[in-house]
Amino acid sequence: MAVISYAYNDKTQLSKHFNVQEFRCKCGKTHDILISQELVYQLERLFDTLDCSKIIVSSGHRCSEYDKKIGNSGVGQHILGKAADVYCYDQNNKAISTKIVSCVAQDLGFGGIANINSAYTWIHLDVRTSNIYMGNEIINYHTLTDDFYKYYGLTKEEVYGEKYKPSTTTEITKGETTMSTQLKGVDLSKHNGTVDFATLSKNVDFAIIRAGYGKLASQKDVKFEEFYAGCKKYGIPVGTYWYSYAKSVSEMKQEAQVFLSVIKGKQFEYPVYLDFEEKSQFNLGKATCIAMAKAFLEVIENAGYYAGMYCSSYYLSTFFDSSIRDRYTMWLAHYNVTKPTYSGAYDIWQYTSTGKIGGVNGNVDMNWCYTDFPAKIKAAGLNGFPKSGTDTPTPASQPTPKKSNEEIAKEVLAGKWGNGDERKRRLTEAGYDYAAVQKAVNALLNQNDNTTIEPVAQKTDEKKQIKVTINFDDHQYSGLLEEM
């Protein structure tokens, strides 16, 4: 995420709990304020995870002159706008020990973490990505450990208390419906290695498997077919997702089409998800994120699938609006809390990436689901399942045509669909009957007296081409046609 420069008197509310002025340099001068978006994001996560009543930023951005004045080097994370020294307070307005804060900050992925005072109430946090700093400044200013749990002699249970293990009776309110029934599931990719699906089937209610990532068919997850077959063999209801790296609407559409090609012919009891979580994508801004997500999800939905999106609580709240959040089912990621702080609707909550469960070696992503997706999806005839009252699966590999053959014929004559095999391929992929469109083209040509035909020079080994220009409905259409 970018570092943003703000005017010294800017009072922008950066997030729910933090304002630009909290990060202003203490030198008293009127220079700009540098603030890392990543830092604000991480501080919000820390606020939610610790269930704070407040976090006080005692020092944010510093100019080099001021940093030297208070005894430092004049270079470092504060000067870059990537650091904050803070006090964290619980709901009783009591300072939270920095021993606890250090462990949680470590779990959240801060790059620099160090206690500052002997009372263990004041802590330095930054979002560096190299030369990781995990220390205790009452000892020295060097890294002292690679694990604060070991350094301070704490366990996960001592740090998180009841929040360490989500309650199986947590109720999540969505609209007017309160769901107390929870279905337990995992999400899997090649990173989980070999999975014993016979054992896993006894421990979960569903699984969501990665189909792949990126915009190439070669980026299909190498475990996708194996995991899909394992779920089907042992009766585990299954969903799937595609991890996106797209940086534009056109790339999103390309990724969606590759996703469809990978899952074609399969049936999924759970939704088909866009995994939207790359920081480089969020750097493009809210409007672009919304447009990209919409482009991907529309392609998936038009192909006959129950489309949804995976995203973390903060990013979902910050970079998307109701056109995405309320239009599609949400799979929400939020760790180390008893209940997500996200206020919108969601159907699945991914609550940890370090879960343990029979059938999977090592850590695994764990989820709670609050919706009976198999019943909903099968009743609607989506995700490759037949519609109620039919015996054959509903095709889910082609989008539904939105224009008449005559409208497409006009576009063909205008050259919008290419020529020859390219045109045939594009029309077929878009869900149109190539022969029917060609018939409509011929009909337009035959019914018009205002048609001119010109030969087009070509090489001897190419099919003959002609340039056709017609006037129709007060419009002129011109394009190349090849002999069949």
Protein backbone atom coordinates (compact mmCIF):
# COMPACT_ATOMS: atom_id res chain seq x y z
CA MET A 1 0.00 0.00 0.00
CA ALA A 2 1.09 3.54 -0.70
CA VAL A 3 2.43 6.20 1.64
CA ILE A 4 0.22 9.28 1.29
CA SER A 5 1.31 12.89 1.88
CA TYR A 6 -1.21 15.11 3.68
CA ALA A 7 -1.11 18.84 4.38
CA TYR A 8 -0.16 19.68 7.96
CA ASN A 9 -3.69 20.90 8.74
CA ASP A 10 -5.54 18.08 6.95
CA LYS A 11 -8.17 16.47 9.19
CA THR A 12 -9.13 13.52 6.99
CA GLN A 13 -10.61 10.55 8.86
CA LEU A 14 -8.32 7.77 7.62
CA SER A 15 -10.36 4.91 9.07
CA LYS A 16 -12.90 4.20 11.76
CA HIS A 17 -10.54 5.03 14.62
CA PHE A 18 -7.70 7.10 13.16
CA ASN A 19 -7.41 10.67 11.84
CA VAL A 20 -4.57 12.34 9.93
CA GLN A 21 -3.85 14.74 12.81
CA GLU A 22 -2.94 11.87 15.14
CA PHE A 23 0.13 11.17 12.98
CA ARG A 24 1.33 14.78 12.66
CA CYS A 25 4.99 15.44 13.49
CA LYS A 26 5.52 16.94 16.96
CA CYS A 27 8.04 19.50 15.70
CA GLY A 28 5.32 22.16 15.47
CA LYS A 29 6.20 23.16 11.90
CA THR A 30 3.84 23.16 8.91
CA HIS A 31 5.41 20.47 6.74
CA ASP A 32 3.34 17.67 5.20
CA ILE A 33 2.39 14.52 7.10
CA LEU A 34 3.41 11.16 5.61
CA ILE A 35 1.17 8.22 6.50
CA SER A 36 1.35 4.65 5.20
CA GLN A 37 -2.03 3.16 4.28
CA GLU A 38 -0.68 -0.20 5.41
CA LEU A 39 0.11 1.21 8.84
CA VAL A 40 -3.45 2.50 9.31
CA TYR A 41 -4.86 -0.80 8.10
CA GLN A 42 -2.71 -2.76 10.56
CA LEU A 43 -3.55 -0.45 13.45
CA GLU A 44 -7.27 -0.96 12.75
CA ARG A 45 -6.74 -4.72 12.78
CA LEU A 46 -4.88 -4.40 16.08
CA PHE A 47 -7.72 -2.28 17.50
CA ASP A 48 -10.31 -4.91 16.56
CA THR A 49 -8.26 -7.91 17.64
CA LEU A 50 -7.47 -6.48 21.06
CA ASP A 51 -11.05 -5.14 21.41
CA CYS A 52 -9.62 -1.74 22.35
CA SER A 53 -11.58 1.19 23.68
CA LYS A 54 -8.91 3.44 22.18
CA ILE A 55 -5.39 3.49 20.77
CA ILE A 56 -3.42 6.68 21.42
CA VAL A 57 -0.74 7.53 18.86
CA SER A 58 1.98 9.34 20.78
CA SER A 59 4.29 9.66 17.78
CA GLY A 60 3.58 9.05 14.10
CA HIS A 61 5.37 10.76 11.23
CA ARG A 62 8.56 12.63 12.14
CA CYS A 63 10.67 14.99 10.10
CA SER A 64 14.37 14.13 10.17
CA GLU A 65 15.19 17.24 12.19
CA TYR A 66 12.75 16.39 14.96
CA ASP A 67 13.86 12.75 15.02
CA LYS A 68 17.43 13.87 15.66
CA LYS A 69 16.25 16.38 18.27
CA ILE A 70 14.77 13.58 20.40
CA GLY A 71 17.97 11.55 20.21
CA ASN A 72 17.49 9.37 17.16
CA SER A 73 19.34 9.04 13.85
CA GLY A 74 17.09 11.13 11.63
CA VAL A 75 16.34 8.16 9.38
CA GLY A 76 14.01 5.20 9.80
CA GLN A 77 10.39 4.13 9.69
CA HIS A 78 8.93 7.21 11.42
CA ILE A 79 10.53 9.49 8.82
CA LEU A 80 9.03 7.32 6.05
CA GLY A 81 5.53 7.54 7.59
CA LYS A 82 5.47 3.81 8.28
CA ALA A 83 5.67 3.79 12.10
CA ALA A 84 3.68 4.77 15.17
CA ASP A 85 4.39 4.63 18.88
CA VAL A 86 1.12 3.83 20.63
CA TYR A 87 -0.71 3.05 23.88
CA CYS A 88 -3.54 0.47 23.69
CA TYR A 89 -6.45 0.50 26.16
CA ASP A 90 -9.05 -2.18 26.90
CA GLN A 91 -12.79 -1.68 27.42
CA ASN A 92 -12.17 -0.78 31.08
CA ASN A 93 -9.82 2.00 29.97
CA LYS A 94 -6.86 0.09 31.34
CA ALA A 95 -3.57 0.02 29.42
CA ILE A 96 -3.02 -3.33 27.71
CA SER A 97 0.39 -4.84 28.43
CA THR A 98 2.78 -4.49 25.50
CA LYS A 99 3.73 -8.10 26.11
CA ILE A 100 0.23 -8.99 24.90
CA VAL A 101 0.30 -6.33 22.18
CA SER A 102 3.68 -7.62 20.92
CA CYS A 103 2.31 -11.14 20.45
CA VAL A 104 -0.82 -9.95 18.66
CA ALA A 105 1.18 -7.54 16.47
CA GLN A 106 3.44 -10.46 15.56
CA ASP A 107 0.39 -12.53 14.54
CA LEU A 108 -0.95 -9.64 12.46
CA GLY A 109 2.31 -9.27 10.56
CA PHE A 110 3.79 -5.95 11.71
CA GLY A 111 7.40 -5.66 10.51
CA GLY A 112 8.71 -3.73 13.50
CA ILE A 113 7.59 -4.34 17.09
CA ALA A 114 9.30 -3.19 20.29
CA ASN A 115 8.27 -2.34 23.84
CA ILE A 116 9.41 1.18 24.77
CA ASN A 117 8.99 1.63 28.54
CA SER A 118 9.57 -0.31 31.74
CA ALA A 119 5.85 -0.24 32.59
CA TYR A 120 5.19 -2.25 29.41
CA THR A 121 2.42 0.11 28.28
CA TRP A 122 4.05 1.88 25.31
CA ILE A 123 5.03 0.17 22.07
CA HIS A 124 6.67 0.94 18.73
CA LEU A 125 4.97 -0.56 15.67
CA ASP A 126 5.90 -0.26 11.99
CA VAL A 127 5.16 -1.91 8.67
CA ARG A 128 8.64 -2.43 7.22
CA THR A 129 8.97 -5.45 4.93
CA SER A 130 12.69 -6.17 5.38
CA ASN A 131 15.18 -6.22 8.28
CA ILE A 132 12.38 -7.24 10.63
CA TYR A 133 12.70 -5.68 14.08
CA MET A 134 11.37 -7.57 17.12
CA GLY A 135 12.80 -6.07 20.25
CA ASN A 136 12.48 -4.51 23.67
CA GLU A 137 13.94 -1.01 23.88
CA ILE A 138 14.43 -1.06 27.63
CA ILE A 139 17.10 -3.69 26.87
CA ASN A 140 18.55 -2.34 23.59
CA TYR A 141 17.53 -1.29 20.09
CA HIS A 142 18.24 -4.58 18.34
CA THR A 143 16.15 -7.60 17.44
CA LEU A 144 16.03 -9.89 20.47
CA THR A 145 13.70 -12.65 19.35
CA ASP A 146 11.82 -14.19 16.43
CA ASP A 147 8.86 -15.15 18.64
CA PHE A 148 7.35 -12.90 21.31
CA TYR A 149 5.33 -15.81 22.74
CA LYS A 150 8.57 -17.53 23.72
CA TYR A 151 10.30 -14.28 24.70
CA TYR A 152 7.54 -13.28 27.13
CA GLY A 153 6.56 -16.84 28.11
CA LEU A 154 2.96 -16.55 26.91
CA THR A 155 0.53 -18.94 25.24
CA LYS A 156 -2.15 -18.20 22.63
CA GLU A 157 -4.82 -18.80 25.27
CA GLU A 158 -3.18 -16.29 27.63
CA VAL A 159 -2.95 -13.69 24.87
CA TYR A 160 -6.39 -14.11 23.33
CA GLY A 161 -8.37 -15.75 26.13
CA GLU A 162 -11.77 -16.94 24.92
CA LYS A 163 -11.15 -15.32 21.55
CA TYR A 164 -8.51 -17.92 20.69
CA LYS A 165 -11.16 -20.53 19.89
CA PRO A 166 -14.38 -19.34 18.20
CA SER A 167 -17.56 -20.31 20.00
CA THR A 168 -19.75 -22.89 18.27
CA THR A 169 -22.84 -21.02 19.44
CA THR A 170 -21.98 -17.59 18.12
CA GLU A 171 -25.01 -16.02 16.48
CA ILE A 172 -24.58 -13.89 13.41
CA THR A 173 -27.40 -11.58 12.40
CA LYS A 174 -27.97 -11.10 8.66
CA GLY A 175 -30.85 -8.80 7.85
CA GLU A 176 -33.82 -10.07 9.85
CA THR A 177 -32.54 -13.63 10.18
CA THR A 178 -30.44 -14.79 13.11
CA MET A 179 -28.53 -17.99 12.42
CA SER A 180 -27.38 -20.04 15.38
CA THR A 181 -26.51 -23.12 13.29
CA GLN A 182 -22.90 -23.20 12.14
CA LEU A 183 -21.36 -25.48 9.54
CA LYS A 184 -17.64 -26.11 9.89
CA GLY A 185 -15.42 -26.11 6.83
CA VAL A 186 -11.90 -25.76 5.47
CA ASP A 187 -10.44 -24.16 2.39
CA LEU A 188 -7.66 -25.97 0.60
CA SER A 189 -4.98 -25.39 -2.02
CA LYS A 190 -1.78 -27.09 -3.11
CA HIS A 191 -0.10 -25.61 -0.04
CA ASN A 192 -1.97 -28.11 2.14
CA GLY A 193 -0.18 -31.02 0.49
CA THR A 194 -1.71 -34.48 0.74
CA VAL A 195 -5.19 -34.57 2.29
CA ASP A 196 -6.88 -37.65 3.76
CA PHE A 197 -10.44 -37.01 2.59
CA ALA A 198 -11.83 -40.11 4.29
CA THR A 199 -10.77 -38.67 7.65
CA LEU A 200 -11.57 -35.08 6.71
CA SER A 201 -15.14 -36.05 5.80
CA LYS A 202 -15.75 -37.00 9.43
CA ASN A 203 -14.63 -33.62 10.71
CA VAL A 204 -16.08 -30.99 8.34
CA ASP A 205 -19.37 -30.03 6.73
CA PHE A 206 -17.86 -28.50 3.61
CA ALA A 207 -14.64 -27.61 1.79
CA ILE A 208 -13.76 -24.79 -0.60
CA ILE A 209 -10.89 -25.61 -2.93
CA ARG A 210 -8.68 -23.34 -5.00
CA ALA A 211 -9.08 -23.86 -8.74
CA GLY A 212 -6.10 -21.66 -9.57
CA TYR A 213 -4.82 -18.12 -9.86
CA GLY A 214 -3.94 -15.49 -12.45
CA LYS A 215 -4.99 -15.31 -16.09
CA LEU A 216 -3.44 -18.42 -17.63
CA ALA A 217 -4.86 -21.92 -17.82
CA SER A 218 -1.43 -23.19 -16.81
CA GLN A 219 -1.98 -21.57 -13.40
CA LYS A 220 -4.61 -24.12 -12.45
CA ASP A 221 -3.96 -25.41 -8.93
CA VAL A 222 -2.08 -28.70 -9.28
CA LYS A 223 -4.23 -30.22 -6.52
CA PHE A 224 -7.59 -29.03 -7.84
CA GLU A 225 -8.65 -32.21 -9.63
CA GLU A 226 -7.42 -34.43 -6.80
CA PHE A 227 -9.17 -32.36 -4.13
CA TYR A 228 -12.40 -32.14 -6.12
CA ALA A 229 -12.42 -35.90 -6.65
CA GLY A 230 -11.70 -36.50 -2.94
CA CYS A 231 -14.59 -34.31 -1.84
CA LYS A 232 -17.00 -36.01 -4.24
CA LYS A 233 -15.85 -39.49 -3.30
CA TYR A 234 -16.39 -38.95 0.43
CA GLY A 235 -19.48 -36.77 0.22
CA ILE A 236 -18.00 -33.43 1.29
CA PRO A 237 -20.03 -30.55 -0.17
CA VAL A 238 -17.57 -28.44 -2.13
CA GLY A 239 -17.10 -24.89 -3.39
CA THR A 240 -14.22 -23.32 -5.28
CA TYR A 241 -12.32 -20.05 -5.65
CA TRP A 242 -9.93 -18.29 -8.00
CA TYR A 243 -7.09 -16.15 -6.59
CA SER A 244 -6.87 -12.90 -8.53
CA TYR A 245 -3.81 -10.89 -9.51
CA ALA A 246 -5.66 -8.76 -12.08
CA LYS A 247 -4.83 -5.05 -12.35
CA SER A 248 -7.63 -4.01 -14.71
CA VAL A 249 -11.20 -4.83 -15.71
CA SER A 250 -10.01 -6.57 -18.88
CA GLU A 251 -7.59 -8.75 -16.91
CA MET A 252 -10.37 -9.59 -14.45
CA LYS A 253 -12.58 -10.77 -17.30
CA GLN A 254 -9.71 -12.84 -18.65
CA GLU A 255 -9.17 -14.46 -15.24
CA ALA A 256 -12.90 -15.22 -14.98
CA GLN A 257 -12.92 -16.95 -18.35
CA VAL A 258 -9.92 -19.09 -17.41
CA PHE A 259 -11.66 -19.95 -14.13
CA LEU A 260 -14.73 -21.09 -16.06
CA SER A 261 -12.60 -23.26 -18.33
CA VAL A 262 -11.03 -24.98 -15.30
CA ILE A 263 -14.30 -25.74 -13.48
CA LYS A 264 -16.35 -26.57 -16.60
CA GLY A 265 -18.41 -29.75 -16.25
CA LYS A 266 -18.16 -29.94 -12.46
CA GLN A 267 -20.84 -29.47 -9.79
CA PHE A 268 -20.38 -27.34 -6.68
CA GLU A 269 -22.67 -27.33 -3.66
CA TYR A 270 -21.03 -24.13 -2.38
CA PRO A 271 -20.48 -20.83 -4.19
CA VAL A 272 -17.87 -20.06 -6.81
CA TYR A 273 -15.68 -17.27 -5.41
CA LEU A 274 -13.40 -14.48 -6.52
CA ASP A 275 -10.50 -14.24 -4.05
CA PHE A 276 -9.71 -10.52 -3.90
CA GLU A 277 -6.86 -9.79 -1.50
CA GLU A 278 -3.72 -8.56 -3.29
CA LYS A 279 -2.51 -5.26 -1.84
CA SER A 280 -1.39 -4.13 -5.29
CA GLN A 281 -5.03 -4.32 -6.37
CA PHE A 282 -6.22 -2.13 -3.49
CA ASN A 283 -3.56 0.42 -4.41
CA LEU A 284 -5.59 1.04 -7.58
CA GLY A 285 -8.34 2.67 -5.50
CA LYS A 286 -11.91 1.96 -4.53
CA ALA A 287 -13.58 2.73 -7.86
CA THR A 288 -11.24 0.41 -9.75
CA CYS A 289 -11.63 -2.37 -7.19
CA ILE A 290 -15.41 -2.18 -7.50
CA ALA A 291 -15.27 -2.22 -11.30
CA MET A 292 -12.87 -5.17 -11.37
CA ALA A 293 -14.86 -7.25 -8.88
CA LYS A 294 -18.09 -6.54 -10.72
CA ALA A 295 -16.55 -7.56 -14.05
CA PHE A 296 -15.35 -10.91 -12.69
CA LEU A 297 -18.52 -11.74 -10.78
CA GLU A 298 -20.80 -10.87 -13.68
CA VAL A 299 -18.94 -13.26 -15.96
CA ILE A 300 -19.24 -16.05 -13.38
CA GLU A 301 -22.90 -15.37 -12.63
CA ASN A 302 -23.86 -15.12 -16.32
CA ALA A 303 -22.31 -18.54 -16.82
CA GLY A 304 -24.81 -20.10 -14.39
CA TYR A 305 -22.89 -20.10 -11.14
CA TYR A 306 -23.70 -18.81 -7.63
CA ALA A 307 -21.01 -16.13 -7.50
CA GLY A 308 -19.37 -14.70 -4.39
CA MET A 309 -16.27 -12.88 -3.19
CA TYR A 310 -13.64 -13.61 -0.53
CA CYS A 311 -12.12 -10.56 1.19
CA SER A 312 -10.86 -9.44 4.60
CA SER A 313 -13.07 -7.35 6.85
CA TYR A 314 -11.09 -4.12 6.50
CA TYR A 315 -10.67 -4.22 2.73
CA LEU A 316 -14.29 -5.21 2.18
CA SER A 317 -15.47 -2.24 4.24
CA THR A 318 -13.02 0.23 2.74
CA PHE A 319 -12.73 -0.62 -0.95
CA PHE A 320 -16.19 -1.90 -1.91
CA ASP A 321 -19.74 -0.60 -1.78
CA SER A 322 -23.23 -2.12 -1.69
CA SER A 323 -23.09 -2.97 -5.40
CA ILE A 324 -20.68 -5.74 -4.43
CA ARG A 325 -21.24 -6.33 -0.71
CA ASP A 326 -25.02 -6.64 -0.94
CA ARG A 327 -25.28 -8.01 -4.47
CA TYR A 328 -23.12 -11.13 -4.01
CA THR A 329 -22.51 -13.57 -1.17
CA MET A 330 -19.51 -12.63 0.96
CA TRP A 331 -16.85 -14.94 2.37
CA LEU A 332 -15.27 -12.85 5.11
CA ALA A 333 -11.78 -13.22 6.59
CA HIS A 334 -11.23 -11.91 10.13
CA TYR A 335 -8.89 -13.64 12.60
CA ASN A 336 -8.48 -13.69 16.37
CA VAL A 337 -11.89 -12.28 17.25
CA THR A 338 -14.99 -13.85 18.76
CA LYS A 339 -17.11 -12.21 16.08
CA PRO A 340 -16.16 -10.16 13.00
CA THR A 341 -16.52 -6.41 13.36
CA TYR A 342 -17.71 -6.13 9.76
CA SER A 343 -21.25 -4.72 9.88
CA GLY A 344 -22.50 -5.99 6.53
CA ALA A 345 -23.92 -9.35 5.50
CA TYR A 346 -21.72 -12.41 5.06
CA ASP A 347 -22.42 -16.12 4.80
CA ILE A 348 -19.02 -17.63 5.58
CA TRP A 349 -16.45 -16.45 8.10
CA GLN A 350 -12.83 -17.58 7.78
CA TYR A 351 -11.71 -17.21 11.38
CA THR A 352 -8.15 -18.60 11.34
CA SER A 353 -5.34 -19.65 9.04
CA THR A 354 -3.69 -21.83 11.69
CA GLY A 355 -6.45 -24.34 12.38
CA LYS A 356 -5.85 -28.02 13.05
CA ILE A 357 -8.16 -30.77 11.85
CA GLY A 358 -8.05 -34.48 11.17
CA GLY A 359 -7.24 -35.29 7.55
CA VAL A 360 -4.99 -32.27 6.94
CA ASN A 361 -1.36 -32.07 8.02
CA GLY A 362 -0.21 -28.79 9.55
CA ASN A 363 -2.12 -25.53 9.59
CA VAL A 364 -5.31 -25.10 7.60
CA ASP A 365 -7.77 -22.26 7.02
CA MET A 366 -10.95 -22.82 9.04
CA ASN A 367 -14.41 -21.41 8.37
CA TRP A 368 -17.92 -21.17 9.78
CA CYS A 369 -20.85 -21.11 7.36
CA TYR A 370 -24.32 -19.85 8.31
CA THR A 371 -26.25 -20.64 5.10
CA ASP A 372 -27.55 -23.91 3.65
CA PHE A 373 -25.87 -23.40 0.30
CA PRO A 374 -26.41 -26.95 -1.06
CA ALA A 375 -30.20 -26.58 -0.76
CA LYS A 376 -30.20 -23.06 -2.18
CA ILE A 377 -27.90 -23.81 -5.12
CA LYS A 378 -29.57 -27.08 -6.12
CA ALA A 379 -33.05 -25.56 -5.93
CA ALA A 380 -31.95 -22.76 -8.26
CA GLY A 381 -30.28 -25.12 -10.71
CA LEU A 382 -26.90 -23.40 -10.45
CA ASN A 383 -23.28 -24.58 -10.34
CA GLY A 384 -23.91 -27.42 -12.79
CA PHE A 385 -26.96 -28.86 -11.00
CA PRO A 386 -30.24 -29.45 -12.87
CA LYS A 387 -33.10 -27.11 -12.20
CA SER A 388 -35.95 -28.50 -10.12
CA GLY A 389 -38.06 -30.89 -12.21
CA THR A 390 -35.37 -31.61 -14.81
CA ASP A 391 -33.14 -34.64 -15.20
CA THR A 392 -30.09 -33.13 -16.87
CA PRO A 393 -27.57 -30.70 -15.46
CA THR A 394 -27.92 -27.08 -16.45
CA PRO A 395 -24.98 -26.11 -18.68
CA ALA A 396 -22.78 -23.71 -16.78
CA SER A 397 -19.99 -23.00 -19.22
CA GLN A 398 -21.50 -20.41 -21.57
CA PRO A 399 -22.90 -16.96 -20.80
CA THR A 400 -26.47 -16.29 -21.82
CA PRO A 401 -26.73 -14.23 -25.05
CA LYS A 402 -28.08 -10.76 -24.43
CA LYS A 403 -28.69 -9.59 -28.03
CA SER A 404 -30.78 -10.91 -30.92
CA ASN A 405 -29.16 -12.57 -33.92
CA GLU A 406 -30.13 -9.57 -36.04
CA GLU A 407 -28.36 -7.18 -33.65
CA ILE A 408 -25.25 -9.35 -33.69
CA ALA A 409 -25.46 -9.60 -37.50
CA LYS A 410 -25.25 -5.81 -37.69
CA GLU A 411 -22.20 -5.90 -35.45
CA VAL A 412 -20.64 -8.56 -37.69
CA LEU A 413 -21.14 -6.32 -40.69
CA ALA A 414 -19.58 -3.47 -38.73
CA GLY A 415 -16.50 -5.63 -38.18
CA LYS A 416 -16.87 -5.95 -34.39
CA TRP A 417 -16.58 -9.75 -34.32
CA GLY A 418 -13.55 -10.28 -36.56
CA ASN A 419 -13.43 -12.63 -39.52
CA GLY A 420 -13.35 -16.34 -40.33
CA ASP A 421 -12.39 -18.73 -37.58
CA GLU A 422 -11.81 -15.90 -35.14
CA ARG A 423 -15.40 -14.69 -35.59
CA LYS A 424 -16.79 -18.20 -35.24
CA ARG A 425 -14.80 -18.77 -32.05
CA ARG A 426 -15.78 -15.46 -30.48
CA LEU A 427 -19.47 -15.83 -31.29
CA THR A 428 -19.52 -19.39 -29.96
CA GLU A 429 -17.68 -18.45 -26.75
CA ALA A 430 -20.16 -15.62 -26.22
CA GLY A 431 -23.03 -18.12 -26.40
CA TYR A 432 -24.34 -17.34 -29.89
CA ASP A 433 -25.30 -19.82 -32.63
CA TYR A 434 -22.77 -19.09 -35.35
CA ALA A 435 -24.91 -20.55 -38.16
CA ALA A 436 -27.96 -18.55 -37.02
CA VAL A 437 -25.96 -15.32 -36.91
CA GLN A 438 -24.53 -15.99 -40.38
CA LYS A 439 -28.08 -16.57 -41.66
CA ALA A 440 -29.10 -13.22 -40.20
CA VAL A 441 -26.12 -11.59 -41.93
CA ASN A 442 -27.21 -13.04 -45.28
CA ALA A 443 -30.79 -11.88 -44.69
CA LEU A 444 -29.62 -8.33 -44.08
CA LEU A 445 -27.57 -8.39 -47.25
CA ASN A 446 -30.36 -9.87 -49.38
CA GLN A 447 -33.11 -7.53 -48.22
CA ASN A 448 -31.17 -4.36 -48.92
CA ASP A 449 -30.81 -2.58 -52.23
CA ASN A 450 -28.29 -0.19 -50.74
CA THR A 451 -25.52 -2.77 -50.51
CA THR A 452 -22.13 -2.30 -52.13
CA ILE A 453 -19.59 -5.09 -52.47
CA GLU A 454 -15.92 -4.50 -53.20
CA PRO A 455 -13.23 -7.15 -53.74
CA VAL A 456 -10.32 -7.08 -51.29
CA ALA A 457 -6.80 -7.92 -52.35
CA GLN A 458 -5.44 -11.05 -50.72
CA LYS A 459 -2.67 -13.57 -50.99
CA THR A 460 -3.37 -16.59 -53.17
CA ASP A 461 -3.40 -19.00 -50.21
CA GLU A 462 -6.04 -17.01 -48.27
CA LYS A 463 -9.81 -17.31 -48.42
CA LYS A 464 -11.46 -14.72 -50.66
CA GLN A 465 -12.59 -11.60 -48.82
CA ILE A 466 -15.04 -8.89 -49.83
CA LYS A 467 -15.81 -5.54 -48.27
CA VAL A 468 -19.54 -5.13 -47.71
CA THR A 469 -21.25 -1.80 -47.01
CA ILE A 470 -25.02 -1.58 -46.43
CA ASN A 471 -27.47 1.06 -45.30
CA PHE A 472 -30.03 -0.22 -42.80
CA ASP A 473 -32.38 1.64 -40.45
CA ASP A 474 -30.63 4.93 -41.19
CA HIS A 475 -27.27 3.42 -40.22
CA GLN A 476 -24.37 2.34 -42.36
CA TYR A 477 -22.55 -0.92 -41.63
CA SER A 478 -19.27 -1.82 -43.23
CA GLY A 479 -17.00 -4.81 -42.74
CA LEU A 480 -15.08 -7.73 -44.26
CA LEU A 481 -16.68 -11.10 -45.03
CA GLU A 482 -14.99 -14.32 -46.05
CA GLU A 483 -16.39 -16.99 -48.28
CA MET A 484 -17.57 -20.03 -46.31
